[in-house]
PDB file of all heavy atoms in Angstrom:
ATOM      1  N   ASP A   1     -17.260   3.753   3.512  1.00  0.00           N
ATOM      2  CA  ASP A   1     -16.342   4.290   2.510  1.00  0.00           C
ATOM      3  C   ASP A   1     -14.962   4.199   3.071  1.00  0.00           C
ATOM      4  O   ASP A   1     -14.689   4.753   4.162  1.00  0.00           O
ATOM      5  CB  ASP A   1     -16.689   5.715   2.126  1.00  0.00           C
ATOM      6  CG  ASP A   1     -18.033   5.834   1.427  1.00  0.00           C
ATOM      7  OD1 ASP A   1     -18.343   4.959   0.575  1.00  0.00           O
ATOM      8  OD2 ASP A   1     -18.740   6.823   1.682  1.00  0.00           O
ATOM      9  N   THR A   2     -14.071   3.519   2.391  1.00  0.00           N
ATOM     10  CA  THR A   2     -12.710   3.379   2.856  1.00  0.00           C
ATOM     11  C   THR A   2     -11.682   3.979   1.862  1.00  0.00           C
ATOM     12  O   THR A   2     -11.979   4.083   0.678  1.00  0.00           O
ATOM     13  CB  THR A   2     -12.324   1.914   3.062  1.00  0.00           C
ATOM     14  OG1 THR A   2     -12.428   1.192   1.868  1.00  0.00           O
ATOM     15  CG2 THR A   2     -13.171   1.256   4.137  1.00  0.00           C
ATOM     16  N   GLN A   3     -10.528   4.274   2.391  1.00  0.00           N
ATOM     17  CA  GLN A   3      -9.399   4.678   1.600  1.00  0.00           C
ATOM     18  C   GLN A   3      -8.163   3.962   2.050  1.00  0.00           C
ATOM     19  O   GLN A   3      -7.858   3.964   3.222  1.00  0.00           O
ATOM     20  CB  GLN A   3      -9.176   6.209   1.746  1.00  0.00           C
ATOM     21  CG  GLN A   3      -8.020   6.707   0.931  1.00  0.00           C
ATOM     22  CD  GLN A   3      -7.899   8.226   0.944  1.00  0.00           C
ATOM     23  OE1 GLN A   3      -8.926   8.910   1.024  1.00  0.00           O
ATOM     24  NE2 GLN A   3      -6.731   8.749   0.930  1.00  0.00           N
ATOM     25  N   THR A   4      -7.533   3.251   1.123  1.00  0.00           N
ATOM     26  CA  THR A   4      -6.301   2.519   1.442  1.00  0.00           C
ATOM     27  C   THR A   4      -5.206   3.189   0.710  1.00  0.00           C
ATOM     28  O   THR A   4      -5.224   3.346  -0.529  1.00  0.00           O
ATOM     29  CB  THR A   4      -6.477   1.036   1.046  1.00  0.00           C
ATOM     30  OG1 THR A   4      -7.569   0.458   1.716  1.00  0.00           O
ATOM     31  CG2 THR A   4      -5.189   0.257   1.352  1.00  0.00           C
ATOM     32  N   GLU A   5      -4.160   3.581   1.446  1.00  0.00           N
ATOM     33  CA  GLU A   5      -2.980   4.274   0.914  1.00  0.00           C
ATOM     34  C   GLU A   5      -1.770   3.413   0.998  1.00  0.00           C
ATOM     35  O   GLU A   5      -1.544   2.780   2.001  1.00  0.00           O
ATOM     36  CB  GLU A   5      -2.786   5.625   1.611  1.00  0.00           C
ATOM     37  CG  GLU A   5      -3.959   6.524   1.550  1.00  0.00           C
ATOM     38  CD  GLU A   5      -3.852   7.734   2.453  1.00  0.00           C
ATOM     39  OE1 GLU A   5      -3.117   7.666   3.476  1.00  0.00           O
ATOM     40  OE2 GLU A   5      -4.480   8.716   2.178  1.00  0.00           O
ATOM     41  N   ILE A   6      -0.964   3.418  -0.071  1.00  0.00           N
ATOM     42  CA  ILE A   6       0.232   2.647  -0.113  1.00  0.00           C
ATOM     43  C   ILE A   6       1.411   3.632  -0.203  1.00  0.00           C
ATOM     44  O   ILE A   6       1.465   4.485  -1.091  1.00  0.00           O
ATOM     45  CB  ILE A   6       0.346   1.752  -1.374  1.00  0.00           C
ATOM     46  CG1 ILE A   6      -0.962   0.918  -1.523  1.00  0.00           C
ATOM     47  CG2 ILE A   6       1.560   0.875  -1.380  1.00  0.00           C
ATOM     48  CD1 ILE A   6      -1.212  -0.100  -0.432  1.00  0.00           C
ATOM     49  N   TYR A   7       2.302   3.543   0.789  1.00  0.00           N
ATOM     50  CA  TYR A   7       3.474   4.449   0.853  1.00  0.00           C
ATOM     51  C   TYR A   7       4.742   3.677   0.574  1.00  0.00           C
ATOM     52  O   TYR A   7       4.927   2.577   1.174  1.00  0.00           O
ATOM     53  CB  TYR A   7       3.607   5.089   2.266  1.00  0.00           C
ATOM     54  CG  TYR A   7       2.466   6.058   2.550  1.00  0.00           C
ATOM     55  CD1 TYR A   7       1.265   5.663   3.106  1.00  0.00           C
ATOM     56  CD2 TYR A   7       2.661   7.419   2.231  1.00  0.00           C
ATOM     57  CE1 TYR A   7       0.278   6.529   3.371  1.00  0.00           C
ATOM     58  CE2 TYR A   7       1.627   8.325   2.542  1.00  0.00           C
ATOM     59  CZ  TYR A   7       0.422   7.867   3.068  1.00  0.00           C
ATOM     60  OH  TYR A   7      -0.579   8.762   3.353  1.00  0.00           O
ATOM     61  N   ASP A   8       5.617   4.199  -0.235  1.00  0.00           N
ATOM     62  CA  ASP A   8       6.929   3.626  -0.455  1.00  0.00           C
ATOM     63  C   ASP A   8       7.885   4.310   0.509  1.00  0.00           C
ATOM     64  O   ASP A   8       8.105   5.544   0.458  1.00  0.00           O
ATOM     65  CB  ASP A   8       7.363   3.875  -1.921  1.00  0.00           C
ATOM     66  CG  ASP A   8       8.790   3.385  -2.202  1.00  0.00           C
ATOM     67  OD1 ASP A   8       9.199   2.366  -1.603  1.00  0.00           O
ATOM     68  OD2 ASP A   8       9.517   4.077  -2.928  1.00  0.00           O
ATOM     69  N   MET A   9       8.438   3.605   1.474  1.00  0.00           N
ATOM     70  CA  MET A   9       9.302   4.184   2.473  1.00  0.00           C
ATOM     71  C   MET A   9      10.669   4.571   1.944  1.00  0.00           C
ATOM     72  O   MET A   9      11.306   5.407   2.505  1.00  0.00           O
ATOM     73  CB  MET A   9       9.418   3.202   3.648  1.00  0.00           C
ATOM     74  CG  MET A   9       8.132   2.905   4.342  1.00  0.00           C
ATOM     75  SD  MET A   9       7.228   4.384   4.870  1.00  0.00           S
ATOM     76  CE  MET A   9       8.260   4.959   6.149  1.00  0.00           C
ATOM     77  N   ASN A  10      11.093   3.900   0.807  1.00  0.00           N
ATOM     78  CA  ASN A  10      12.420   4.286   0.270  1.00  0.00           C
ATOM     79  C   ASN A  10      12.376   5.689  -0.327  1.00  0.00           C
ATOM     80  O   ASN A  10      13.381   6.448  -0.166  1.00  0.00           O
ATOM     81  CB  ASN A  10      12.804   3.239  -0.815  1.00  0.00           C
ATOM     82  CG  ASN A  10      13.062   1.869  -0.226  1.00  0.00           C
ATOM     83  OD1 ASN A  10      13.510   1.769   0.913  1.00  0.00           O
ATOM     84  ND2 ASN A  10      12.708   0.860  -0.967  1.00  0.00           N
ATOM     85  N   SER A  11      11.302   6.035  -1.011  1.00  0.00           N
ATOM     86  CA  SER A  11      11.198   7.376  -1.591  1.00  0.00           C
ATOM     87  C   SER A  11      10.401   8.308  -0.649  1.00  0.00           C
ATOM     88  O   SER A  11      10.223   9.488  -0.938  1.00  0.00           O
ATOM     89  CB  SER A  11      10.526   7.344  -2.963  1.00  0.00           C
ATOM     90  OG  SER A  11       9.190   6.861  -2.847  1.00  0.00           O
ATOM     91  N   ASN A  12       9.814   7.754   0.415  1.00  0.00           N
ATOM     92  CA  ASN A  12       9.049   8.499   1.382  1.00  0.00           C
ATOM     93  C   ASN A  12       7.858   9.258   0.716  1.00  0.00           C
ATOM     94  O   ASN A  12       7.657  10.448   0.973  1.00  0.00           O
ATOM     95  CB  ASN A  12       9.928   9.469   2.160  1.00  0.00           C
ATOM     96  CG  ASN A  12       9.253   9.889   3.429  1.00  0.00           C
ATOM     97  OD1 ASN A  12       8.426   9.202   4.007  1.00  0.00           O
ATOM     98  ND2 ASN A  12       9.619  11.063   3.932  1.00  0.00           N
ATOM     99  N   ARG A  13       7.118   8.559  -0.145  1.00  0.00           N
ATOM    100  CA  ARG A  13       6.007   9.172  -0.757  1.00  0.00           C
ATOM    101  C   ARG A  13       4.812   8.219  -0.959  1.00  0.00           C
ATOM    102  O   ARG A  13       4.988   6.985  -1.008  1.00  0.00           O
ATOM    103  CB  ARG A  13       6.403   9.808  -2.076  1.00  0.00           C
ATOM    104  CG  ARG A  13       6.766   8.814  -3.141  1.00  0.00           C
ATOM    105  CD  ARG A  13       7.142   9.587  -4.426  1.00  0.00           C
ATOM    106  NE  ARG A  13       7.324   8.644  -5.493  1.00  0.00           N
ATOM    107  CZ  ARG A  13       7.294   8.926  -6.746  1.00  0.00           C
ATOM    108  NH1 ARG A  13       7.016  10.168  -7.120  1.00  0.00           N
ATOM    109  NH2 ARG A  13       7.524   8.070  -7.657  1.00  0.00           N
ATOM    110  N   LEU A  14       3.656   8.800  -1.103  1.00  0.00           N
ATOM    111  CA  LEU A  14       2.424   8.077  -1.372  1.00  0.00           C
ATOM    112  C   LEU A  14       2.479   7.577  -2.810  1.00  0.00           C
ATOM    113  O   LEU A  14       2.714   8.397  -3.736  1.00  0.00           O
ATOM    114  CB  LEU A  14       1.207   8.995  -1.102  1.00  0.00           C
ATOM    115  CG  LEU A  14      -0.159   8.442  -1.373  1.00  0.00           C
ATOM    116  CD1 LEU A  14      -0.447   7.241  -0.473  1.00  0.00           C
ATOM    117  CD2 LEU A  14      -1.212   9.508  -1.188  1.00  0.00           C
ATOM    118  N   VAL A  15       2.240   6.321  -3.011  1.00  0.00           N
ATOM    119  CA  VAL A  15       2.327   5.725  -4.329  1.00  0.00           C
ATOM    120  C   VAL A  15       0.953   5.508  -4.937  1.00  0.00           C
ATOM    121  O   VAL A  15       0.749   5.778  -6.125  1.00  0.00           O
ATOM    122  CB  VAL A  15       3.063   4.345  -4.222  1.00  0.00           C
ATOM    123  CG1 VAL A  15       3.040   3.666  -5.568  1.00  0.00           C
ATOM    124  CG2 VAL A  15       4.461   4.527  -3.732  1.00  0.00           C
ATOM    125  N   LEU A  16       0.025   4.989  -4.178  1.00  0.00           N
ATOM    126  CA  LEU A  16      -1.239   4.545  -4.721  1.00  0.00           C
ATOM    127  C   LEU A  16      -2.320   4.723  -3.680  1.00  0.00           C
ATOM    128  O   LEU A  16      -2.100   4.507  -2.470  1.00  0.00           O
ATOM    129  CB  LEU A  16      -1.103   3.086  -5.098  1.00  0.00           C
ATOM    130  CG  LEU A  16      -2.272   2.346  -5.742  1.00  0.00           C
ATOM    131  CD1 LEU A  16      -2.526   2.873  -7.139  1.00  0.00           C
ATOM    132  CD2 LEU A  16      -1.962   0.843  -5.774  1.00  0.00           C
ATOM    133  N   THR A  17      -3.517   5.081  -4.115  1.00  0.00           N
ATOM    134  CA  THR A  17      -4.687   5.151  -3.226  1.00  0.00           C
ATOM    135  C   THR A  17      -5.803   4.338  -3.826  1.00  0.00           C
ATOM    136  O   THR A  17      -6.069   4.436  -5.046  1.00  0.00           O
ATOM    137  CB  THR A  17      -5.141   6.606  -3.049  1.00  0.00           C
ATOM    138  OG1 THR A  17      -4.121   7.364  -2.502  1.00  0.00           O
ATOM    139  CG2 THR A  17      -6.398   6.679  -2.149  1.00  0.00           C
ATOM    140  N   VAL A  18      -6.438   3.499  -2.995  1.00  0.00           N
ATOM    141  CA  VAL A  18      -7.557   2.674  -3.449  1.00  0.00           C
ATOM    142  C   VAL A  18      -8.738   3.080  -2.638  1.00  0.00           C
ATOM    143  O   VAL A  18      -8.716   3.075  -1.400  1.00  0.00           O
ATOM    144  CB  VAL A  18      -7.258   1.160  -3.229  1.00  0.00           C
ATOM    145  CG1 VAL A  18      -8.503   0.341  -3.614  1.00  0.00           C
ATOM    146  CG2 VAL A  18      -6.046   0.708  -4.022  1.00  0.00           C
ATOM    147  N   LEU A  19      -9.787   3.534  -3.293  1.00  0.00           N
ATOM    148  CA  LEU A  19     -11.051   3.926  -2.664  1.00  0.00           C
ATOM    149  C   LEU A  19     -12.023   2.783  -2.835  1.00  0.00           C
ATOM    150  O   LEU A  19     -12.107   2.096  -3.859  1.00  0.00           O
ATOM    151  CB  LEU A  19     -11.572   5.176  -3.331  1.00  0.00           C
ATOM    152  CG  LEU A  19     -10.631   6.360  -3.390  1.00  0.00           C
ATOM    153  CD1 LEU A  19     -11.193   7.493  -4.240  1.00  0.00           C
ATOM    154  CD2 LEU A  19     -10.250   6.821  -2.005  1.00  0.00           C
ATOM    155  N   ALA A  20     -12.839   2.570  -1.788  1.00  0.00           N
ATOM    156  CA  ALA A  20     -13.797   1.489  -1.843  1.00  0.00           C
ATOM    157  C   ALA A  20     -15.064   1.887  -1.116  1.00  0.00           C
ATOM    158  O   ALA A  20     -15.018   2.606  -0.153  1.00  0.00           O
ATOM    159  CB  ALA A  20     -13.264   0.233  -1.290  1.00  0.00           C
ATOM    160  N   THR A  21     -16.189   1.422  -1.638  1.00  0.00           N
ATOM    161  CA  THR A  21     -17.493   1.571  -0.932  1.00  0.00           C
ATOM    162  C   THR A  21     -18.022   0.177  -0.743  1.00  0.00           C
ATOM    163  O   THR A  21     -18.190  -0.624  -1.703  1.00  0.00           O
ATOM    164  CB  THR A  21     -18.475   2.426  -1.799  1.00  0.00           C
ATOM    165  OG1 THR A  21     -17.890   3.718  -1.973  1.00  0.00           O
ATOM    166  CG2 THR A  21     -19.788   2.528  -1.075  1.00  0.00           C
ATOM    167  N   THR A  22     -18.296  -0.164   0.504  1.00  0.00           N
ATOM    168  CA  THR A  22     -18.791  -1.490   0.867  1.00  0.00           C
ATOM    169  C   THR A  22     -20.141  -1.365   1.535  1.00  0.00           C
ATOM    170  O   THR A  22     -20.344  -0.527   2.375  1.00  0.00           O
ATOM    171  CB  THR A  22     -17.803  -2.145   1.868  1.00  0.00           C
ATOM    172  OG1 THR A  22     -16.501  -2.224   1.218  1.00  0.00           O
ATOM    173  CG2 THR A  22     -18.246  -3.535   2.204  1.00  0.00           C
ATOM    174  N   ARG A  23     -21.030  -2.230   1.201  1.00  0.00           N
ATOM    175  CA  ARG A  23     -22.384  -2.272   1.785  1.00  0.00           C
ATOM    176  C   ARG A  23     -22.544  -3.649   2.419  1.00  0.00           C
ATOM    177  O   ARG A  23     -22.473  -4.652   1.729  1.00  0.00           O
ATOM    178  CB  ARG A  23     -23.431  -1.996   0.732  1.00  0.00           C
ATOM    179  CG  ARG A  23     -24.841  -2.034   1.232  1.00  0.00           C
ATOM    180  CD  ARG A  23     -25.800  -1.718   0.058  1.00  0.00           C
ATOM    181  NE  ARG A  23     -27.133  -1.895   0.415  1.00  0.00           N
ATOM    182  CZ  ARG A  23     -27.962  -0.850   0.703  1.00  0.00           C
ATOM    183  NH1 ARG A  23     -27.524   0.380   0.670  1.00  0.00           N
ATOM    184  NH2 ARG A  23     -29.214  -1.075   1.043  1.00  0.00           N
ATOM    185  N   ILE A  24     -22.754  -3.632   3.772  1.00  0.00           N
ATOM    186  CA  ILE A  24     -22.931  -4.910   4.444  1.00  0.00           C
ATOM    187  C   ILE A  24     -24.338  -4.891   5.148  1.00  0.00           C
ATOM    188  O   ILE A  24     -24.819  -3.833   5.474  1.00  0.00           O
ATOM    189  CB  ILE A  24     -21.824  -5.179   5.435  1.00  0.00           C
ATOM    190  CG1 ILE A  24     -21.664  -4.055   6.455  1.00  0.00           C
ATOM    191  CG2 ILE A  24     -20.492  -5.361   4.692  1.00  0.00           C
ATOM    192  CD1 ILE A  24     -20.666  -4.324   7.511  1.00  0.00           C
ATOM    193  N   GLN A  25     -24.795  -6.085   5.450  1.00  0.00           N
ATOM    194  CA  GLN A  25     -26.155  -6.190   6.011  1.00  0.00           C
ATOM    195  C   GLN A  25     -26.097  -6.372   7.541  1.00  0.00           C
ATOM    196  O   GLN A  25     -26.893  -7.092   8.125  1.00  0.00           O
ATOM    197  CB  GLN A  25     -26.868  -7.353   5.397  1.00  0.00           C
ATOM    198  CG  GLN A  25     -28.348  -7.370   5.774  1.00  0.00           C
ATOM    199  CD  GLN A  25     -29.025  -8.619   5.273  1.00  0.00           C
ATOM    200  OE1 GLN A  25     -28.754  -9.030   4.184  1.00  0.00           O
ATOM    201  NE2 GLN A  25     -29.975  -9.151   6.033  1.00  0.00           N
ATOM    202  N   THR A  26     -25.190  -5.712   8.214  1.00  0.00           N
ATOM    203  CA  THR A  26     -25.168  -5.743   9.630  1.00  0.00           C
ATOM    204  C   THR A  26     -24.680  -4.381  10.147  1.00  0.00           C
ATOM    205  O   THR A  26     -24.231  -3.568   9.378  1.00  0.00           O
ATOM    206  CB  THR A  26     -24.171  -6.789  10.208  1.00  0.00           C
ATOM    207  OG1 THR A  26     -22.850  -6.455   9.744  1.00  0.00           O
ATOM    208  CG2 THR A  26     -24.518  -8.160   9.697  1.00  0.00           C
TER     209      THR A  26
END
């Protein structure tokens, strides 16, 4: 389970969060 966060440095704030669940065979 991952969380990717995108921050805008000009406004110094979190803009977007992308959550993902990945299943791999290793």
